Amino acid sequence: MRPRRGHPPRTPWIAHTTELRVRFHEVDSLGIAWHGHYLAWFEVGREALGRAFGLGYAQLVEAGLVAPVVHACIDYARPARHGEILEILARLHRQEAARIDLSYEARRDGELLARGHTTQVFTRPDGELLLEQPPILRDFYRRHADRFSDGPS
């Protein structure tokens, strides 16, 4: 199933939440976070999910892989402000294809601030695109099969 542009796929997912504080250099003169930082915050969530479940950058490099982002989108609902603690929820959506689809939410005290989605593909370090799911991803799905949720995202 191909995801609708701008929307995560409707497939089972595994999730992890991490927290971060909005730093001074991430806000404008009114104390409101610049919109471009949300993508970096989503990456913080993605990295935390990878560390929590054993599918981080170190494991990809060890497997001889690179996973560049080929699509990213964000919908904004409310601004984040300097000093606030945000919860970043990252969901990795199970796929049959040779790609990683993640969806994200940034929340403050449970209130939705932004929602986004990224798609990454797998390549060799020389840029050769993999057309089949690499063993590291198949192994990840097998190891964590009981942790994937079919609930609403």
N, C-alpha and C. Protein backbone atom coordinates (compact mmCIF):
# COMPACT_ATOMS: atom_id res chain seq x y z
N MET A 1 0.84 -1.17 0.00
CA MET A 1 0.00 0.00 0.00
C MET A 1 0.90 1.25 0.00
N ARG A 2 0.67 2.14 -0.92
CA ARG A 2 1.42 3.39 -0.95
C ARG A 2 0.74 4.42 -0.06
N PRO A 3 1.53 5.16 0.71
CA PRO A 3 0.91 6.18 1.55
C PRO A 3 0.39 7.33 0.70
N ARG A 4 -0.68 7.95 1.15
CA ARG A 4 -1.14 9.17 0.48
C ARG A 4 -0.10 10.23 0.74
N ARG A 5 0.16 11.06 -0.26
CA ARG A 5 1.17 12.10 -0.09
C ARG A 5 0.82 12.96 1.11
N GLY A 6 1.78 13.12 2.01
CA GLY A 6 1.57 13.95 3.18
C GLY A 6 0.95 13.22 4.35
N HIS A 7 0.65 11.94 4.19
CA HIS A 7 0.05 11.16 5.27
C HIS A 7 0.84 9.89 5.49
N PRO A 8 0.99 9.47 6.75
CA PRO A 8 1.70 8.21 7.00
C PRO A 8 0.86 7.04 6.51
N PRO A 9 1.48 5.90 6.25
CA PRO A 9 0.72 4.73 5.83
C PRO A 9 -0.17 4.24 6.96
N ARG A 10 -1.19 3.53 6.59
CA ARG A 10 -2.11 2.97 7.59
C ARG A 10 -1.73 1.51 7.82
N THR A 11 -0.59 1.33 8.42
CA THR A 11 -0.05 0.01 8.69
C THR A 11 0.29 -0.08 10.18
N PRO A 12 0.47 -1.30 10.71
CA PRO A 12 0.87 -1.41 12.12
C PRO A 12 2.15 -0.63 12.39
N TRP A 13 2.29 -0.14 13.61
CA TRP A 13 3.43 0.68 13.98
C TRP A 13 3.95 0.33 15.35
N ILE A 14 5.20 0.74 15.56
CA ILE A 14 5.85 0.64 16.86
C ILE A 14 6.23 2.07 17.25
N ALA A 15 6.07 2.43 18.52
CA ALA A 15 6.22 3.83 18.91
C ALA A 15 7.16 4.01 20.10
N HIS A 16 7.69 5.22 20.18
CA HIS A 16 8.53 5.62 21.30
C HIS A 16 8.36 7.13 21.51
N THR A 17 8.34 7.55 22.76
CA THR A 17 8.21 8.98 23.08
C THR A 17 9.45 9.44 23.82
N THR A 18 9.91 10.63 23.47
CA THR A 18 11.04 11.25 24.15
C THR A 18 10.68 12.71 24.43
N GLU A 19 11.39 13.33 25.34
CA GLU A 19 11.14 14.73 25.67
C GLU A 19 12.32 15.59 25.29
N LEU A 20 12.03 16.86 25.01
CA LEU A 20 13.09 17.84 24.78
C LEU A 20 12.58 19.20 25.21
N ARG A 21 13.52 20.09 25.48
CA ARG A 21 13.18 21.46 25.88
C ARG A 21 13.47 22.39 24.70
N VAL A 22 12.55 23.31 24.43
CA VAL A 22 12.75 24.30 23.37
C VAL A 22 13.84 25.26 23.84
N ARG A 23 14.93 25.30 23.07
CA ARG A 23 16.09 26.10 23.46
C ARG A 23 16.01 27.52 22.90
N PHE A 24 16.76 28.42 23.51
CA PHE A 24 16.75 29.84 23.14
C PHE A 24 17.02 30.06 21.66
N HIS A 25 18.00 29.35 21.11
CA HIS A 25 18.37 29.58 19.71
C HIS A 25 17.34 29.03 18.72
N GLU A 26 16.32 28.33 19.22
CA GLU A 26 15.29 27.76 18.34
C GLU A 26 14.06 28.66 18.21
N VAL A 27 14.08 29.83 18.87
CA VAL A 27 12.91 30.71 18.85
C VAL A 27 13.26 32.06 18.25
N ASP A 28 12.20 32.78 17.83
CA ASP A 28 12.38 34.13 17.30
C ASP A 28 12.30 35.15 18.43
N SER A 29 12.25 36.44 18.08
CA SER A 29 12.26 37.49 19.10
C SER A 29 10.99 37.49 19.96
N LEU A 30 9.94 36.81 19.51
CA LEU A 30 8.71 36.69 20.29
C LEU A 30 8.69 35.43 21.15
N GLY A 31 9.78 34.66 21.09
CA GLY A 31 9.87 33.44 21.88
C GLY A 31 9.16 32.24 21.26
N ILE A 32 8.78 32.35 19.98
CA ILE A 32 8.07 31.27 19.29
C ILE A 32 9.06 30.47 18.44
N ALA A 33 8.95 29.15 18.52
CA ALA A 33 9.87 28.27 17.79
C ALA A 33 9.71 28.44 16.28
N TRP A 34 10.84 28.51 15.60
CA TRP A 34 10.86 28.57 14.13
C TRP A 34 10.36 27.24 13.58
N HIS A 35 9.54 27.30 12.55
CA HIS A 35 8.88 26.10 12.02
C HIS A 35 9.87 25.01 11.56
N GLY A 36 11.03 25.39 11.08
CA GLY A 36 12.00 24.42 10.59
C GLY A 36 12.58 23.52 11.67
N HIS A 37 12.52 23.95 12.91
CA HIS A 37 13.08 23.13 14.00
C HIS A 37 12.24 21.88 14.28
N TYR A 38 10.98 21.90 13.90
CA TYR A 38 10.14 20.73 14.15
C TYR A 38 10.69 19.49 13.46
N LEU A 39 11.22 19.64 12.26
CA LEU A 39 11.80 18.49 11.57
C LEU A 39 13.00 17.95 12.34
N ALA A 40 13.82 18.85 12.88
CA ALA A 40 14.96 18.41 13.71
C ALA A 40 14.46 17.72 14.98
N TRP A 41 13.38 18.22 15.57
CA TRP A 41 12.83 17.59 16.77
C TRP A 41 12.28 16.21 16.44
N PHE A 42 11.66 16.07 15.27
CA PHE A 42 11.18 14.76 14.85
C PHE A 42 12.36 13.80 14.69
N GLU A 43 13.47 14.30 14.21
CA GLU A 43 14.67 13.46 14.08
C GLU A 43 15.17 13.02 15.46
N VAL A 44 15.07 13.87 16.46
CA VAL A 44 15.41 13.48 17.83
C VAL A 44 14.53 12.29 18.24
N GLY A 45 13.25 12.37 17.93
CA GLY A 45 12.34 11.28 18.23
C GLY A 45 12.67 10.01 17.47
N ARG A 46 13.03 10.15 16.20
CA ARG A 46 13.39 9.00 15.38
C ARG A 46 14.64 8.32 15.92
N GLU A 47 15.63 9.11 16.29
CA GLU A 47 16.85 8.54 16.84
C GLU A 47 16.58 7.84 18.18
N ALA A 48 15.73 8.42 19.01
CA ALA A 48 15.39 7.80 20.30
C ALA A 48 14.67 6.47 20.07
N LEU A 49 13.77 6.43 19.10
CA LEU A 49 13.09 5.18 18.77
C LEU A 49 14.10 4.14 18.29
N GLY A 50 15.03 4.54 17.44
CA GLY A 50 16.06 3.63 16.93
C GLY A 50 16.92 3.07 18.05
N ARG A 51 17.32 3.94 18.98
CA ARG A 51 18.12 3.46 20.12
C ARG A 51 17.32 2.51 21.00
N ALA A 52 16.05 2.82 21.22
CA ALA A 52 15.21 2.01 22.11
C ALA A 52 14.97 0.61 21.56
N PHE A 53 14.92 0.49 20.23
CA PHE A 53 14.56 -0.79 19.62
C PHE A 53 15.67 -1.42 18.78
N GLY A 54 16.85 -0.81 18.77
CA GLY A 54 17.99 -1.41 18.07
C GLY A 54 17.98 -1.25 16.57
N LEU A 55 17.49 -0.11 16.10
CA LEU A 55 17.54 0.18 14.66
C LEU A 55 18.01 1.62 14.46
N GLY A 56 19.17 1.93 15.03
CA GLY A 56 19.72 3.26 14.95
C GLY A 56 20.72 3.38 13.82
N TYR A 57 21.30 4.56 13.71
CA TYR A 57 22.28 4.81 12.65
C TYR A 57 23.47 3.88 12.75
N ALA A 58 23.92 3.60 13.97
CA ALA A 58 25.09 2.71 14.13
C ALA A 58 24.82 1.34 13.54
N GLN A 59 23.62 0.81 13.76
CA GLN A 59 23.28 -0.51 13.22
C GLN A 59 23.19 -0.47 11.69
N LEU A 60 22.67 0.62 11.14
CA LEU A 60 22.59 0.73 9.68
C LEU A 60 23.99 0.80 9.06
N VAL A 61 24.85 1.60 9.65
CA VAL A 61 26.23 1.72 9.15
C VAL A 61 26.94 0.38 9.24
N GLU A 62 26.76 -0.30 10.36
CA GLU A 62 27.37 -1.62 10.54
C GLU A 62 26.87 -2.61 9.47
N ALA A 63 25.63 -2.45 9.04
CA ALA A 63 25.06 -3.31 8.00
C ALA A 63 25.43 -2.84 6.59
N GLY A 64 26.23 -1.77 6.50
CA GLY A 64 26.64 -1.25 5.19
C GLY A 64 25.55 -0.48 4.47
N LEU A 65 24.69 0.20 5.24
CA LEU A 65 23.54 0.89 4.66
C LEU A 65 23.52 2.37 5.04
N VAL A 66 22.84 3.12 4.21
CA VAL A 66 22.53 4.52 4.46
C VAL A 66 21.02 4.63 4.25
N ALA A 67 20.36 5.52 4.99
CA ALA A 67 18.90 5.65 4.88
C ALA A 67 18.52 7.13 4.72
N PRO A 68 18.72 7.69 3.52
CA PRO A 68 18.39 9.11 3.34
C PRO A 68 16.88 9.36 3.32
N VAL A 69 16.50 10.53 3.82
CA VAL A 69 15.10 10.97 3.77
C VAL A 69 14.80 11.39 2.33
N VAL A 70 13.69 10.88 1.79
CA VAL A 70 13.28 11.25 0.43
C VAL A 70 11.96 12.01 0.43
N HIS A 71 11.28 12.04 1.58
CA HIS A 71 10.04 12.79 1.69
C HIS A 71 9.85 13.21 3.14
N ALA A 72 9.40 14.45 3.34
CA ALA A 72 9.09 14.94 4.68
C ALA A 72 7.94 15.94 4.57
N CYS A 73 7.03 15.87 5.54
CA CYS A 73 5.96 16.86 5.59
C CYS A 73 5.59 17.12 7.05
N ILE A 74 5.08 18.31 7.30
CA ILE A 74 4.69 18.70 8.65
C ILE A 74 3.41 19.53 8.56
N ASP A 75 2.47 19.24 9.45
CA ASP A 75 1.28 20.07 9.64
C ASP A 75 1.40 20.70 11.02
N TYR A 76 1.21 22.01 11.09
CA TYR A 76 1.36 22.75 12.34
C TYR A 76 0.00 23.08 12.91
N ALA A 77 -0.14 22.95 14.24
CA ALA A 77 -1.40 23.25 14.90
C ALA A 77 -1.26 24.41 15.89
N ARG A 78 -0.19 24.40 16.70
CA ARG A 78 0.03 25.42 17.72
C ARG A 78 1.54 25.68 17.82
N PRO A 79 1.92 26.88 18.25
CA PRO A 79 3.35 27.16 18.37
C PRO A 79 3.96 26.61 19.66
N ALA A 80 5.22 26.25 19.57
CA ALA A 80 6.02 25.92 20.75
C ALA A 80 6.76 27.19 21.15
N ARG A 81 7.06 27.31 22.42
CA ARG A 81 7.72 28.52 22.92
C ARG A 81 8.96 28.17 23.73
N HIS A 82 9.84 29.16 23.83
CA HIS A 82 11.09 28.99 24.55
C HIS A 82 10.87 28.40 25.94
N GLY A 83 11.67 27.41 26.29
CA GLY A 83 11.66 26.82 27.62
C GLY A 83 10.65 25.72 27.84
N GLU A 84 9.71 25.54 26.92
CA GLU A 84 8.69 24.51 27.11
C GLU A 84 9.28 23.12 26.92
N ILE A 85 8.72 22.17 27.64
CA ILE A 85 9.09 20.76 27.48
C ILE A 85 8.11 20.15 26.49
N LEU A 86 8.64 19.56 25.43
CA LEU A 86 7.81 18.91 24.41
C LEU A 86 7.97 17.41 24.48
N GLU A 87 6.90 16.70 24.21
CA GLU A 87 6.94 15.26 24.05
C GLU A 87 6.94 14.99 22.55
N ILE A 88 7.92 14.25 22.08
CA ILE A 88 8.01 13.89 20.67
C ILE A 88 7.71 12.40 20.55
N LEU A 89 6.60 12.09 19.89
CA LEU A 89 6.21 10.71 19.65
C LEU A 89 6.63 10.35 18.23
N ALA A 90 7.39 9.27 18.11
CA ALA A 90 7.80 8.76 16.79
C ALA A 90 7.20 7.37 16.62
N ARG A 91 6.58 7.14 15.47
CA ARG A 91 6.02 5.83 15.14
C ARG A 91 6.68 5.32 13.87
N LEU A 92 7.23 4.12 13.93
CA LEU A 92 7.77 3.46 12.74
C LEU A 92 6.68 2.53 12.22
N HIS A 93 6.25 2.76 10.98
CA HIS A 93 5.16 2.00 10.37
C HIS A 93 5.72 0.80 9.60
N ARG A 94 5.20 -0.36 9.90
CA ARG A 94 5.65 -1.60 9.24
C ARG A 94 5.37 -1.52 7.74
N GLN A 95 6.37 -1.93 6.96
CA GLN A 95 6.28 -1.89 5.50
C GLN A 95 6.79 -3.20 4.91
N GLU A 96 6.32 -3.52 3.74
CA GLU A 96 6.87 -4.64 2.98
C GLU A 96 7.96 -4.14 2.04
N ALA A 97 7.95 -2.86 1.75
CA ALA A 97 8.90 -2.26 0.81
C ALA A 97 10.24 -1.99 1.49
N ALA A 98 11.22 -1.65 0.68
CA ALA A 98 12.57 -1.33 1.17
C ALA A 98 12.63 0.14 1.55
N ARG A 99 11.87 0.51 2.58
CA ARG A 99 11.85 1.89 3.05
C ARG A 99 11.41 1.93 4.50
N ILE A 100 11.63 3.07 5.13
CA ILE A 100 11.18 3.30 6.50
C ILE A 100 10.22 4.48 6.46
N ASP A 101 9.00 4.25 6.92
CA ASP A 101 8.00 5.31 7.05
C ASP A 101 7.79 5.58 8.53
N LEU A 102 7.94 6.85 8.90
CA LEU A 102 7.74 7.25 10.28
C LEU A 102 6.72 8.39 10.34
N SER A 103 5.92 8.38 11.38
CA SER A 103 5.05 9.52 11.65
C SER A 103 5.42 10.07 13.02
N TYR A 104 5.11 11.32 13.22
CA TYR A 104 5.56 12.02 14.43
C TYR A 104 4.46 12.93 14.95
N GLU A 105 4.52 13.16 16.25
CA GLU A 105 3.69 14.19 16.88
C GLU A 105 4.56 14.94 17.87
N ALA A 106 4.40 16.25 17.90
CA ALA A 106 5.01 17.09 18.93
C ALA A 106 3.87 17.60 19.80
N ARG A 107 3.97 17.35 21.10
CA ARG A 107 2.92 17.76 22.04
C ARG A 107 3.53 18.51 23.23
N ARG A 108 2.71 19.37 23.81
CA ARG A 108 3.06 20.07 25.05
C ARG A 108 1.92 19.80 26.02
N ASP A 109 2.23 19.12 27.11
CA ASP A 109 1.20 18.76 28.10
C ASP A 109 -0.02 18.10 27.44
N GLY A 110 0.25 17.24 26.46
CA GLY A 110 -0.82 16.51 25.78
C GLY A 110 -1.45 17.24 24.61
N GLU A 111 -1.20 18.54 24.48
CA GLU A 111 -1.79 19.33 23.39
C GLU A 111 -0.96 19.17 22.12
N LEU A 112 -1.60 18.82 21.02
CA LEU A 112 -0.91 18.64 19.75
C LEU A 112 -0.40 19.98 19.21
N LEU A 113 0.91 20.03 18.93
CA LEU A 113 1.51 21.23 18.33
C LEU A 113 1.76 21.02 16.84
N ALA A 114 2.23 19.83 16.49
CA ALA A 114 2.53 19.54 15.09
C ALA A 114 2.52 18.04 14.87
N ARG A 115 2.26 17.67 13.62
CA ARG A 115 2.23 16.27 13.21
C ARG A 115 2.99 16.19 11.89
N GLY A 116 3.77 15.12 11.72
CA GLY A 116 4.54 15.00 10.49
C GLY A 116 4.78 13.57 10.07
N HIS A 117 5.47 13.44 8.95
CA HIS A 117 5.74 12.12 8.37
C HIS A 117 7.03 12.22 7.55
N THR A 118 7.86 11.19 7.62
CA THR A 118 9.03 11.11 6.75
C THR A 118 9.09 9.73 6.13
N THR A 119 9.72 9.67 4.96
CA THR A 119 10.02 8.40 4.29
C THR A 119 11.51 8.38 4.00
N GLN A 120 12.14 7.26 4.37
CA GLN A 120 13.55 7.04 4.10
C GLN A 120 13.68 5.78 3.25
N VAL A 121 14.64 5.79 2.34
CA VAL A 121 14.93 4.60 1.54
C VAL A 121 16.28 4.07 1.97
N PHE A 122 16.62 2.89 1.50
CA PHE A 122 17.91 2.28 1.82
C PHE A 122 18.81 2.33 0.60
N THR A 123 20.06 2.75 0.83
CA THR A 123 21.08 2.72 -0.22
C THR A 123 22.36 2.14 0.36
N ARG A 124 23.21 1.74 -0.54
CA ARG A 124 24.58 1.40 -0.16
C ARG A 124 25.32 2.74 0.01
N PRO A 125 26.47 2.75 0.67
CA PRO A 125 27.22 4.01 0.84
C PRO A 125 27.55 4.70 -0.48
N ASP A 126 27.66 3.93 -1.58
CA ASP A 126 27.95 4.54 -2.88
C ASP A 126 26.72 5.12 -3.56
N GLY A 127 25.54 5.02 -2.89
CA GLY A 127 24.31 5.59 -3.44
C GLY A 127 23.42 4.59 -4.16
N GLU A 128 23.85 3.34 -4.28
CA GLU A 128 23.03 2.33 -4.96
C GLU A 128 21.75 2.07 -4.15
N LEU A 129 20.60 2.27 -4.79
CA LEU A 129 19.31 2.09 -4.14
C LEU A 129 18.98 0.62 -3.99
N LEU A 130 18.56 0.21 -2.79
CA LEU A 130 18.11 -1.16 -2.57
C LEU A 130 16.64 -1.27 -2.94
N LEU A 131 16.32 -2.30 -3.70
CA LEU A 131 14.95 -2.49 -4.14
C LEU A 131 14.21 -3.53 -3.30
N GLU A 132 14.97 -4.27 -2.50
CA GLU A 132 14.37 -5.25 -1.60
C GLU A 132 14.67 -4.86 -0.15
N GLN A 133 13.78 -5.23 0.73
CA GLN A 133 13.95 -4.92 2.14
C GLN A 133 15.24 -5.56 2.65
N PRO A 134 16.13 -4.78 3.27
CA PRO A 134 17.39 -5.34 3.77
C PRO A 134 17.16 -6.25 4.97
N PRO A 135 18.05 -7.22 5.18
CA PRO A 135 17.91 -8.14 6.31
C PRO A 135 17.78 -7.44 7.66
N ILE A 136 18.46 -6.32 7.86
CA ILE A 136 18.38 -5.63 9.15
C ILE A 136 16.94 -5.21 9.46
N LEU A 137 16.17 -4.80 8.45
CA LEU A 137 14.79 -4.39 8.66
C LEU A 137 13.89 -5.61 8.86
N ARG A 138 14.10 -6.65 8.08
CA ARG A 138 13.32 -7.89 8.27
C ARG A 138 13.55 -8.44 9.68
N ASP A 139 14.82 -8.44 10.13
CA ASP A 139 15.14 -8.92 11.47
C ASP A 139 14.48 -8.05 12.54
N PHE A 140 14.49 -6.75 12.33
CA PHE A 140 13.84 -5.82 13.27
C PHE A 140 12.36 -6.15 13.40
N TYR A 141 11.67 -6.32 12.27
CA TYR A 141 10.24 -6.65 12.31
C TYR A 141 10.01 -7.98 13.02
N ARG A 142 10.85 -8.95 12.78
CA ARG A 142 10.71 -10.27 13.41
C ARG A 142 10.93 -10.16 14.94
N ARG A 143 11.97 -9.45 15.35
CA ARG A 143 12.28 -9.30 16.78
C ARG A 143 11.18 -8.59 17.56
N HIS A 144 10.51 -7.65 16.91
CA HIS A 144 9.53 -6.81 17.61
C HIS A 144 8.11 -7.04 17.13
N ALA A 145 7.83 -8.18 16.52
CA ALA A 145 6.51 -8.45 15.95
C ALA A 145 5.38 -8.25 16.96
N ASP A 146 5.61 -8.61 18.21
CA ASP A 146 4.56 -8.50 19.23
C ASP A 146 4.36 -7.07 19.73
N ARG A 147 5.21 -6.14 19.33
CA ARG A 147 5.11 -4.75 19.80
C ARG A 147 4.39 -3.84 18.82
N PHE A 148 4.09 -4.33 17.63
CA PHE A 148 3.44 -3.48 16.63
C PHE A 148 1.95 -3.36 16.94
N SER A 149 1.44 -2.15 16.84
CA SER A 149 0.05 -1.85 17.16
C SER A 149 -0.73 -1.61 15.88
N ASP A 150 -1.99 -2.02 15.88
CA ASP A 150 -2.89 -1.72 14.76
C ASP A 150 -3.81 -0.55 15.10
N GLY A 151 -3.59 0.06 16.26
CA GLY A 151 -4.46 1.13 16.71
C GLY A 151 -4.38 2.37 15.84
N PRO A 152 -5.28 3.31 16.04
CA PRO A 152 -5.26 4.55 15.25
C PRO A 152 -3.98 5.33 15.52
N SER A 153 -3.46 5.93 14.47
CA SER A 153 -2.23 6.72 14.65
C SER A 153 -2.52 8.19 14.72
